[in-house]
Amino acid sequence: MDNLLHCLKHGCQLGWIIDPDHASIVVFLPQQEPDIYRGDRSISLIDSININLTPNQIFSWLKINNK
């Protein structure tokens, strides 16, 4: 998280922390508080990116082995 916050301070426009244990994605945008996304809630992206993503879609692409 430290690196993500550092990047946001220095011009990065978007950062995510993906938490497979809680099936959630924390989205960081400059000058805003982080927001947590789960399920079918559409994730906020940069305005110039026109795509609709949800945590359910992203987690369905990831193959996570729980051994």
N, C-alpha and C. Protein backbone atom coordinates (compact mmCIF):
# COMPACT_ATOMS: atom_id res chain seq x y z
N MET A 1 0.82 -1.18 0.00
CA MET A 1 0.00 0.00 0.00
C MET A 1 0.87 1.26 0.00
N ASP A 2 2.02 1.18 0.68
CA ASP A 2 2.92 2.34 0.70
C ASP A 2 3.33 2.76 -0.70
N ASN A 3 3.68 1.79 -1.54
CA ASN A 3 4.09 2.10 -2.91
C ASN A 3 2.94 2.70 -3.70
N LEU A 4 1.75 2.19 -3.50
CA LEU A 4 0.58 2.71 -4.20
C LEU A 4 0.33 4.16 -3.83
N LEU A 5 0.38 4.47 -2.54
CA LEU A 5 0.17 5.85 -2.09
C LEU A 5 1.27 6.77 -2.60
N HIS A 6 2.50 6.28 -2.63
CA HIS A 6 3.61 7.05 -3.18
C HIS A 6 3.36 7.39 -4.65
N CYS A 7 2.93 6.39 -5.41
CA CYS A 7 2.66 6.60 -6.83
C CYS A 7 1.54 7.62 -7.04
N LEU A 8 0.48 7.56 -6.24
CA LEU A 8 -0.62 8.52 -6.35
C LEU A 8 -0.15 9.94 -6.06
N LYS A 9 0.77 10.10 -5.11
CA LYS A 9 1.31 11.42 -4.79
C LYS A 9 2.14 11.98 -5.93
N HIS A 10 2.65 11.10 -6.78
CA HIS A 10 3.57 11.52 -7.83
C HIS A 10 3.01 11.33 -9.23
N GLY A 11 1.69 11.40 -9.37
CA GLY A 11 1.09 11.48 -10.69
C GLY A 11 0.30 10.27 -11.18
N CYS A 12 0.35 9.17 -10.48
CA CYS A 12 -0.44 8.01 -10.88
C CYS A 12 -1.92 8.36 -10.78
N GLN A 13 -2.72 7.89 -11.71
CA GLN A 13 -4.13 8.25 -11.74
C GLN A 13 -5.05 7.21 -11.11
N LEU A 14 -4.54 5.99 -10.89
CA LEU A 14 -5.41 4.93 -10.41
C LEU A 14 -4.59 3.81 -9.80
N GLY A 15 -5.06 3.24 -8.72
CA GLY A 15 -4.41 2.07 -8.13
C GLY A 15 -5.45 1.14 -7.53
N TRP A 16 -5.15 -0.16 -7.62
CA TRP A 16 -6.04 -1.17 -7.06
C TRP A 16 -5.27 -2.07 -6.13
N ILE A 17 -5.93 -2.52 -5.07
CA ILE A 17 -5.45 -3.62 -4.26
C ILE A 17 -6.52 -4.70 -4.37
N ILE A 18 -6.11 -5.84 -4.92
CA ILE A 18 -7.03 -6.96 -5.13
C ILE A 18 -6.86 -7.95 -3.99
N ASP A 19 -7.96 -8.21 -3.28
CA ASP A 19 -7.92 -9.10 -2.12
C ASP A 19 -8.76 -10.35 -2.39
N PRO A 20 -8.12 -11.43 -2.85
CA PRO A 20 -8.89 -12.63 -3.17
C PRO A 20 -9.53 -13.29 -1.95
N ASP A 21 -8.95 -13.11 -0.77
CA ASP A 21 -9.52 -13.72 0.44
C ASP A 21 -10.89 -13.16 0.77
N HIS A 22 -11.10 -11.89 0.45
CA HIS A 22 -12.39 -11.23 0.74
C HIS A 22 -13.16 -10.90 -0.54
N ALA A 23 -12.66 -11.38 -1.68
CA ALA A 23 -13.29 -11.12 -2.98
C ALA A 23 -13.63 -9.64 -3.14
N SER A 24 -12.64 -8.80 -2.83
CA SER A 24 -12.86 -7.36 -2.91
C SER A 24 -11.70 -6.68 -3.62
N ILE A 25 -11.98 -5.50 -4.13
CA ILE A 25 -10.97 -4.67 -4.77
C ILE A 25 -11.07 -3.29 -4.16
N VAL A 26 -9.95 -2.80 -3.64
CA VAL A 26 -9.90 -1.46 -3.08
C VAL A 26 -9.33 -0.56 -4.17
N VAL A 27 -10.06 0.49 -4.51
CA VAL A 27 -9.67 1.40 -5.58
C VAL A 27 -9.20 2.71 -4.97
N PHE A 28 -8.02 3.13 -5.43
CA PHE A 28 -7.43 4.39 -4.99
C PHE A 28 -7.38 5.35 -6.17
N LEU A 29 -7.90 6.55 -5.97
CA LEU A 29 -7.83 7.63 -6.94
C LEU A 29 -7.19 8.83 -6.26
N PRO A 30 -6.49 9.68 -7.01
CA PRO A 30 -5.84 10.84 -6.38
C PRO A 30 -6.85 11.74 -5.68
N GLN A 31 -6.45 12.26 -4.55
CA GLN A 31 -7.24 13.23 -3.79
C GLN A 31 -8.60 12.70 -3.34
N GLN A 32 -8.74 11.37 -3.23
CA GLN A 32 -9.99 10.77 -2.77
C GLN A 32 -9.69 9.67 -1.77
N GLU A 33 -10.67 9.37 -0.94
CA GLU A 33 -10.54 8.24 -0.04
C GLU A 33 -10.70 6.95 -0.84
N PRO A 34 -10.02 5.88 -0.43
CA PRO A 34 -10.18 4.60 -1.14
C PRO A 34 -11.62 4.11 -1.02
N ASP A 35 -12.03 3.32 -1.99
CA ASP A 35 -13.38 2.76 -1.99
C ASP A 35 -13.27 1.25 -2.22
N ILE A 36 -14.11 0.47 -1.54
CA ILE A 36 -14.08 -0.99 -1.64
C ILE A 36 -15.22 -1.45 -2.55
N TYR A 37 -14.86 -2.33 -3.48
CA TYR A 37 -15.82 -2.87 -4.44
C TYR A 37 -15.90 -4.38 -4.27
N ARG A 38 -17.14 -4.89 -4.30
CA ARG A 38 -17.40 -6.33 -4.22
C ARG A 38 -18.54 -6.67 -5.17
N GLY A 39 -18.62 -7.94 -5.54
CA GLY A 39 -19.75 -8.43 -6.32
C GLY A 39 -19.88 -7.81 -7.69
N ASP A 40 -21.08 -7.33 -7.99
CA ASP A 40 -21.37 -6.79 -9.32
C ASP A 40 -21.36 -5.26 -9.36
N ARG A 41 -20.78 -4.64 -8.35
CA ARG A 41 -20.67 -3.18 -8.34
C ARG A 41 -19.61 -2.75 -9.36
N SER A 42 -19.96 -1.85 -10.27
CA SER A 42 -19.02 -1.37 -11.28
C SER A 42 -17.89 -0.59 -10.62
N ILE A 43 -16.66 -0.89 -11.05
CA ILE A 43 -15.47 -0.27 -10.48
C ILE A 43 -15.19 1.06 -11.16
N SER A 44 -14.87 2.08 -10.36
CA SER A 44 -14.50 3.38 -10.89
C SER A 44 -13.15 3.28 -11.60
N LEU A 45 -13.10 3.85 -12.77
CA LEU A 45 -11.87 3.88 -13.55
C LEU A 45 -11.55 5.32 -13.92
N ILE A 46 -10.47 5.49 -14.62
CA ILE A 46 -10.10 6.81 -15.14
C ILE A 46 -11.13 7.21 -16.18
N ASP A 47 -11.53 8.47 -16.19
CA ASP A 47 -12.59 8.94 -17.09
C ASP A 47 -12.32 8.61 -18.55
N SER A 48 -11.07 8.63 -18.97
CA SER A 48 -10.75 8.40 -20.38
C SER A 48 -10.83 6.92 -20.77
N ILE A 49 -11.01 6.02 -19.79
CA ILE A 49 -11.14 4.59 -20.08
C ILE A 49 -12.62 4.24 -20.03
N ASN A 50 -13.16 3.85 -21.17
CA ASN A 50 -14.59 3.54 -21.26
C ASN A 50 -14.77 2.03 -21.22
N ILE A 51 -14.82 1.49 -20.01
CA ILE A 51 -15.02 0.04 -19.83
C ILE A 51 -15.75 -0.16 -18.51
N ASN A 52 -16.57 -1.18 -18.46
CA ASN A 52 -17.31 -1.50 -17.25
C ASN A 52 -16.76 -2.80 -16.69
N LEU A 53 -16.18 -2.74 -15.50
CA LEU A 53 -15.65 -3.93 -14.83
C LEU A 53 -16.27 -4.07 -13.46
N THR A 54 -16.47 -5.32 -13.04
CA THR A 54 -16.94 -5.59 -11.68
C THR A 54 -15.95 -6.55 -11.02
N PRO A 55 -15.90 -6.57 -9.69
CA PRO A 55 -15.06 -7.56 -9.03
C PRO A 55 -15.38 -8.99 -9.44
N ASN A 56 -16.66 -9.32 -9.60
CA ASN A 56 -17.01 -10.68 -10.02
C ASN A 56 -16.36 -11.04 -11.34
N GLN A 57 -16.34 -10.12 -12.31
CA GLN A 57 -15.69 -10.38 -13.59
C GLN A 57 -14.19 -10.61 -13.39
N ILE A 58 -13.56 -9.74 -12.64
CA ILE A 58 -12.11 -9.83 -12.45
C ILE A 58 -11.74 -11.12 -11.74
N PHE A 59 -12.46 -11.48 -10.68
CA PHE A 59 -12.14 -12.71 -9.95
C PHE A 59 -12.43 -13.96 -10.78
N SER A 60 -13.37 -13.86 -11.72
CA SER A 60 -13.62 -15.01 -12.58
C SER A 60 -12.45 -15.25 -13.54
N TRP A 61 -11.66 -14.21 -13.85
CA TRP A 61 -10.49 -14.36 -14.72
C TRP A 61 -9.29 -14.93 -13.98
N LEU A 62 -9.25 -14.72 -12.67
CA LEU A 62 -8.11 -15.17 -11.87
C LEU A 62 -8.29 -16.61 -11.45
N LYS A 63 -7.25 -17.37 -11.53
CA LYS A 63 -7.28 -18.75 -11.05
C LYS A 63 -6.50 -18.78 -9.74
N ILE A 64 -7.20 -18.99 -8.66
CA ILE A 64 -6.58 -18.97 -7.34
C ILE A 64 -6.70 -20.38 -6.76
N ASN A 65 -5.56 -20.97 -6.44
CA ASN A 65 -5.54 -22.30 -5.85
C ASN A 65 -5.58 -22.18 -4.34
N ASN A 66 -6.62 -22.70 -3.75
CA ASN A 66 -6.72 -22.75 -2.29
C ASN A 66 -6.39 -24.16 -1.84
N LYS A 67 -5.15 -24.37 -1.43
CA LYS A 67 -4.72 -25.71 -1.01
C LYS A 67 -4.73 -25.83 0.48
